[in-house]
């Protein structure tokens, strides 16, 4: 029984690393722009589908398909900011959030038109897929690589956000767009860079996710929605919270599905979401905002 528990615990941690990476993309946008991106699931799917297209339709090697998918997703983020979010600078936050919901539906329709609603998978493994044995435990080499990639992206983005002039500009913009502009920060450039990086992160997470569960316009965005409980558990502005939240969702999902019932695994992330909203709406690592009236 102990080995079984440890097996699902390890699997959950490794899968949770990918969830945490995707959650980081949501936090990254929110910290810089105060906008909660509801289109993240579709951005994840878009990057994964672009990589699949270069692999299957163009017959490109894996490294080239991955590189082009990252570039296209970076460009998608830039395009979203330029055509959708930039005209809304200074507008109520609710309007900007609703715009991301509209973006989600738009991307879903475009992807359904291009790639249909059928489920597809990558023609071959993008990462090594052998199973490693440690004592009585079995660990997927593919999951280990995915976890390693996620950790690398965490470190790079954390350093980028916390240090340097651009990171300062992002933090200042998150506090108040107008004040940031008054101090000489180019808010438009900050928005563009933030959304572009978010597109890049979504593509990386999408490829890692799709290599395990396949690609579907219908189901893949639903899988990506599991990151919302991770984000809200940690707090909308906490990078550490996104990491912890993603790992927690992965662990509890795998433990519930493996030790109780596979059907329970599908609702576990949303039970976490409900509990967080009831007990600590600002998140485990979030700060309560006190406003003077």
Protein backbone atom coordinates (compact mmCIF):
# COMPACT_ATOMS: atom_id res chain seq x y z
CA UNK A 1 0.00 0.00 0.00
CA UNK A 2 2.86 2.36 0.83
CA UNK A 3 4.52 1.71 -2.52
CA UNK A 4 1.23 2.40 -4.28
CA UNK A 5 0.85 5.68 -2.40
CA UNK A 6 4.42 6.72 -3.24
CA UNK A 7 3.91 5.76 -6.88
CA UNK A 8 0.90 8.03 -7.29
CA UNK A 9 2.60 10.74 -5.24
CA UNK A 10 5.62 10.81 -7.56
CA UNK A 11 3.46 10.73 -10.68
CA UNK A 12 1.39 13.57 -9.26
CA UNK A 13 4.45 15.69 -8.56
CA UNK A 14 5.78 15.21 -12.08
CA UNK A 15 2.43 15.96 -13.74
CA UNK A 16 1.95 18.85 -11.33
CA UNK A 17 5.14 20.39 -12.65
CA UNK A 18 3.45 20.90 -16.03
CA UNK A 19 0.33 22.30 -14.34
CA UNK A 20 2.55 24.67 -12.39
CA UNK A 21 4.24 25.84 -15.59
CA UNK A 22 0.89 26.68 -17.16
CA UNK A 23 -0.26 28.37 -13.96
CA UNK A 24 2.88 30.48 -14.06
CA UNK A 25 1.83 31.86 -17.44
CA UNK A 26 -1.48 33.03 -15.95
CA UNK A 27 0.25 34.62 -12.96
CA UNK A 28 2.81 36.26 -15.24
CA UNK A 29 0.06 38.09 -17.16
CA UNK A 30 -1.89 38.97 -14.02
CA UNK A 31 1.11 40.42 -12.19
CA UNK A 32 1.98 42.70 -15.09
CA UNK A 33 -1.49 43.64 -16.34
CA UNK A 34 -3.99 42.70 -13.59
CA UNK A 35 -5.91 40.71 -16.23
CA UNK A 36 -6.94 37.10 -15.56
CA UNK A 37 -6.44 35.28 -18.86
CA UNK A 38 -9.37 32.92 -19.44
CA UNK A 39 -8.01 32.05 -22.90
CA UNK A 40 -4.98 30.23 -21.51
CA UNK A 41 -6.39 26.77 -22.32
CA UNK A 42 -6.84 27.70 -25.96
CA UNK A 43 -3.39 29.31 -26.18
CA UNK A 44 -1.97 26.06 -24.78
CA UNK A 45 -3.81 24.04 -27.42
CA UNK A 46 -2.81 26.40 -30.23
CA UNK A 47 0.91 26.04 -29.53
CA UNK A 48 0.63 22.25 -29.31
CA UNK A 49 -1.33 22.07 -32.58
CA UNK A 50 1.19 24.26 -34.40
CA UNK A 51 3.98 21.90 -33.32
CA UNK A 52 1.90 18.90 -34.44
CA UNK A 53 1.29 20.54 -37.84
CA UNK A 54 4.99 21.07 -38.49
CA UNK A 55 5.68 17.46 -37.47
CA UNK A 56 2.86 15.79 -39.43
CA UNK A 57 1.99 18.08 -42.33
CA UNK A 58 5.42 19.59 -43.04
CA UNK A 59 7.37 16.49 -41.91
CA UNK A 60 9.92 18.66 -40.13
CA UNK A 61 12.32 17.27 -37.51
CA UNK A 62 11.30 17.57 -33.88
CA UNK A 63 13.70 20.38 -32.98
CA UNK A 64 12.58 22.53 -35.91
CA UNK A 65 8.88 21.93 -35.22
CA UNK A 66 9.33 22.86 -31.56
CA UNK A 67 11.28 26.01 -32.39
CA UNK A 68 8.75 27.19 -34.96
CA UNK A 69 5.85 26.43 -32.61
CA UNK A 70 7.48 28.59 -29.94
CA UNK A 71 8.05 31.43 -32.39
CA UNK A 72 4.47 31.26 -33.70
CA UNK A 73 3.08 31.22 -30.15
CA UNK A 74 5.29 34.16 -29.21
CA UNK A 75 3.85 35.97 -32.22
CA UNK A 76 0.32 34.98 -31.23
CA UNK A 77 0.80 36.60 -27.83
CA UNK A 78 2.13 39.74 -29.51
CA UNK A 79 -0.83 39.80 -31.88
CA UNK A 80 -3.33 39.36 -29.04
CA UNK A 81 -1.82 42.29 -27.20
CA UNK A 82 -1.62 44.52 -30.26
CA UNK A 83 -5.11 43.91 -31.64
CA UNK A 84 -7.15 43.10 -28.53
CA UNK A 85 -5.55 44.23 -25.28
CA UNK A 86 -3.72 47.41 -26.29
CA UNK A 87 -6.87 49.29 -27.36
CA UNK A 88 -8.27 48.47 -23.90
CA UNK A 89 -5.48 50.05 -21.84
CA UNK A 90 -7.15 52.26 -19.25
CA UNK A 91 -10.51 50.52 -19.62
CA UNK A 92 -12.24 48.74 -16.69
CA UNK A 93 -10.59 45.44 -15.79
CA UNK A 94 -13.88 43.60 -16.22
CA UNK A 95 -13.93 44.62 -19.88
CA UNK A 96 -10.41 43.25 -20.36
CA UNK A 97 -11.30 39.98 -18.65
CA UNK A 98 -14.40 39.60 -20.81
CA UNK A 99 -12.18 40.20 -23.83
CA UNK A 100 -10.11 37.13 -22.89
CA UNK A 101 -13.32 35.07 -22.74
CA UNK A 102 -14.17 36.24 -26.25
CA UNK A 103 -10.62 35.44 -27.33
CA UNK A 104 -11.04 31.91 -25.99
CA UNK A 105 -14.15 31.33 -28.11
CA UNK A 106 -12.50 32.87 -31.17
CA UNK A 107 -9.37 30.70 -30.91
CA UNK A 108 -11.52 27.61 -30.32
CA UNK A 109 -13.45 28.33 -33.53
CA UNK A 110 -10.30 28.94 -35.57
CA UNK A 111 -8.70 25.73 -34.34
CA UNK A 112 -11.86 23.72 -35.02
CA UNK A 113 -11.84 25.05 -38.58
CA UNK A 114 -8.15 24.30 -39.21
CA UNK A 115 -7.65 21.06 -37.30
CA UNK A 116 -11.26 19.81 -36.87
CA UNK A 117 -12.50 18.37 -33.58
CA UNK A 118 -10.88 14.93 -33.91
CA UNK A 119 -8.36 13.76 -31.35
CA UNK A 120 -4.81 13.42 -32.67
CA UNK A 121 -1.45 12.60 -31.14
CA UNK A 122 2.15 13.31 -31.99
CA UNK A 123 3.59 10.80 -34.48
CA UNK A 124 6.42 9.93 -32.12
CA UNK A 125 7.54 10.83 -28.62
CA UNK A 126 9.06 14.28 -28.30
CA UNK A 127 10.85 13.30 -25.10
CA UNK A 128 12.53 10.03 -24.05
CA UNK A 129 9.79 7.64 -22.95
CA UNK A 130 11.49 4.77 -21.15
CA UNK A 131 10.34 3.69 -17.71
CA UNK A 132 12.87 3.90 -14.90
CA UNK A 133 12.69 1.67 -11.83
CA UNK A 134 13.68 2.82 -8.35
CA UNK A 135 13.17 0.01 -5.88
CA UNK A 136 9.51 -0.91 -6.26
CA UNK A 137 8.60 2.38 -7.95
CA UNK A 138 8.32 3.07 -11.66
CA UNK A 139 8.92 6.54 -13.06
CA UNK A 140 8.31 7.63 -16.64
CA UNK A 141 11.41 9.12 -18.24
CA UNK A 142 9.07 11.35 -20.27
CA UNK A 143 7.51 12.79 -17.11
CA UNK A 144 10.95 13.42 -15.64
CA UNK A 145 12.02 15.35 -18.74
CA UNK A 146 8.79 17.35 -18.73
CA UNK A 147 9.31 18.18 -15.06
CA UNK A 148 12.89 19.23 -15.76
CA UNK A 149 11.81 21.53 -18.60
CA UNK A 150 9.17 23.07 -16.35
CA UNK A 151 11.73 23.73 -13.60
CA UNK A 152 14.09 25.38 -16.10
CA UNK A 153 11.35 27.70 -17.34
CA UNK A 154 10.40 28.53 -13.72
CA UNK A 155 13.94 29.64 -12.94
CA UNK A 156 14.38 31.71 -16.09
CA UNK A 157 11.05 33.52 -15.74
CA UNK A 158 11.47 34.13 -12.02
CA UNK A 159 14.85 35.75 -12.56
CA UNK A 160 13.49 37.74 -15.48
CA UNK A 161 10.55 39.06 -13.48
CA UNK A 162 12.35 39.77 -10.20
CA UNK A 163 15.47 41.41 -11.57
CA UNK A 164 16.31 44.06 -14.12
CA UNK A 165 14.58 47.11 -15.50
CA UNK A 166 11.98 45.15 -17.48
CA UNK A 167 10.92 43.20 -14.41
CA UNK A 168 10.57 46.45 -12.48
CA UNK A 169 8.47 47.89 -15.30
CA UNK A 170 6.17 44.87 -15.20
CA UNK A 171 5.67 45.14 -11.45
CA UNK A 172 5.02 48.87 -11.64
CA UNK A 173 2.55 48.40 -14.48
CA UNK A 174 0.67 45.82 -12.43
CA UNK A 175 0.18 48.34 -9.63
CA UNK A 176 -1.24 51.16 -11.75
CA UNK A 177 -1.10 51.65 -15.52
CA UNK A 178 -1.44 55.43 -15.41
CA UNK A 179 1.13 55.95 -12.65
CA UNK A 180 3.55 53.67 -14.49
CA UNK A 181 3.14 55.74 -17.64
CA UNK A 182 3.69 58.94 -15.66
CA UNK A 183 7.04 57.61 -14.39
CA UNK A 184 8.26 56.99 -17.92
CA UNK A 185 7.49 53.28 -18.25
CA UNK A 186 6.25 52.27 -21.69
CA UNK A 187 3.13 50.37 -20.67
CA UNK A 188 2.40 49.32 -24.24
CA UNK A 189 5.77 47.60 -24.56
CA UNK A 190 5.30 45.92 -21.17
CA UNK A 191 1.91 44.59 -22.25
CA UNK A 192 3.33 43.30 -25.53
CA UNK A 193 6.26 41.53 -23.89
CA UNK A 194 4.07 40.00 -21.18
CA UNK A 195 1.55 38.52 -23.60
CA UNK A 196 4.31 37.28 -25.90
CA UNK A 197 6.06 35.48 -23.06
CA UNK A 198 2.72 34.06 -21.94
CA UNK A 199 2.20 32.68 -25.44
CA UNK A 200 5.65 31.12 -25.30
CA UNK A 201 5.00 29.50 -21.92
CA UNK A 202 1.61 28.24 -23.12
CA UNK A 203 3.25 26.57 -26.11
CA UNK A 204 5.88 24.85 -23.96
CA UNK A 205 3.25 23.61 -21.53
CA UNK A 206 0.93 22.62 -24.36
CA UNK A 207 3.53 20.46 -26.06
CA UNK A 208 4.46 18.78 -22.77
CA UNK A 209 0.79 18.18 -21.97
CA UNK A 210 -0.19 16.98 -25.45
CA UNK A 211 2.69 14.52 -25.60
CA UNK A 212 0.90 12.64 -22.80
CA UNK A 213 -2.83 13.12 -23.40
CA UNK A 214 -3.05 13.88 -27.13
CA UNK A 215 -4.66 16.85 -28.85
CA UNK A 216 -8.34 17.70 -29.12
CA UNK A 217 -10.08 21.03 -29.61
CA UNK A 218 -12.81 19.73 -27.30
CA UNK A 219 -10.95 18.04 -24.44
CA UNK A 220 -7.45 19.56 -24.24
CA UNK A 221 -8.61 23.05 -23.12
CA UNK A 222 -10.62 21.32 -20.38
CA UNK A 223 -7.45 19.63 -19.14
CA UNK A 224 -5.69 22.99 -19.17
CA UNK A 225 -8.49 24.48 -17.06
CA UNK A 226 -7.14 22.46 -14.14
CA UNK A 227 -4.53 25.18 -13.76
CA UNK A 228 -7.17 27.65 -12.52
CA UNK A 229 -7.46 25.91 -9.13
CA UNK A 230 -3.65 25.90 -9.00
CA UNK A 231 -3.49 29.64 -9.67
CA UNK A 232 -6.20 30.53 -7.17
CA UNK A 233 -4.76 28.25 -4.50
CA UNK A 234 -1.40 29.99 -4.65
CA UNK A 235 -2.68 33.51 -5.18
CA UNK A 236 -3.01 35.45 -8.42
CA UNK A 237 0.25 37.35 -7.97
CA UNK A 238 2.46 34.67 -6.43
CA UNK A 239 5.00 32.84 -8.58
CA UNK A 240 5.78 30.50 -5.67
CA UNK A 241 2.05 30.01 -5.18
CA UNK A 242 1.62 28.98 -8.82
CA UNK A 243 4.33 26.36 -8.41
CA UNK A 244 2.96 24.99 -5.14
CA UNK A 245 -0.61 25.09 -6.45
CA UNK A 246 0.29 23.21 -9.62
CA UNK A 247 2.14 20.52 -7.69
CA UNK A 248 -0.72 20.19 -5.21
CA UNK A 249 -3.33 19.79 -7.95
CA UNK A 250 -1.20 17.15 -9.67
CA UNK A 251 -0.60 15.19 -6.46
CA UNK A 252 -4.19 15.24 -5.20
CA UNK A 253 -5.56 14.42 -8.65
CA UNK A 254 -3.30 11.36 -8.96
CA UNK A 255 -3.84 10.19 -5.39
CA UNK A 256 -7.62 10.51 -5.68
CA UNK A 257 -7.71 8.76 -9.05
CA UNK A 258 -5.33 5.99 -8.05
CA UNK A 259 -6.41 5.25 -4.50
CA UNK A 260 -10.12 6.09 -4.59
CA UNK A 261 -11.71 6.20 -8.05
CA UNK A 262 -10.47 7.46 -11.46
CA UNK A 263 -13.69 9.46 -11.80
CA UNK A 264 -12.83 11.37 -8.64
CA UNK A 265 -9.60 12.56 -10.25
CA UNK A 266 -11.52 14.71 -12.74
CA UNK A 267 -13.33 16.70 -10.07
CA UNK A 268 -10.51 16.92 -7.53
CA UNK A 269 -9.00 20.17 -8.93
CA UNK A 270 -12.39 21.87 -8.78
CA UNK A 271 -13.01 20.69 -5.23
CA UNK A 272 -9.71 22.39 -4.38
CA UNK A 273 -10.95 25.53 -6.15
CA UNK A 274 -14.19 25.51 -4.15
CA UNK A 275 -12.40 25.06 -0.83
CA UNK A 276 -9.93 27.85 -1.60
CA UNK A 277 -12.72 30.27 -2.51
CA UNK A 278 -14.59 29.40 0.69
CA UNK A 279 -11.66 29.44 3.12
CA UNK A 280 -9.06 31.84 1.69
CA UNK A 281 -10.19 33.63 -1.50
CA UNK A 282 -6.89 35.53 -1.84
CA UNK A 283 -4.96 32.25 -2.01
CA UNK A 284 -2.48 30.57 0.30
CA UNK A 285 0.34 32.90 -0.78
CA UNK A 286 -1.83 35.89 -1.66
CA UNK A 287 -2.15 39.12 0.30
CA UNK A 288 -5.39 40.66 1.44
CA UNK A 289 -5.96 44.07 -0.12
CA UNK A 290 -7.17 46.76 2.26
CA UNK A 291 -8.70 49.83 0.64
CA UNK A 292 -9.46 53.11 2.37
CA UNK A 293 -12.92 54.48 1.76
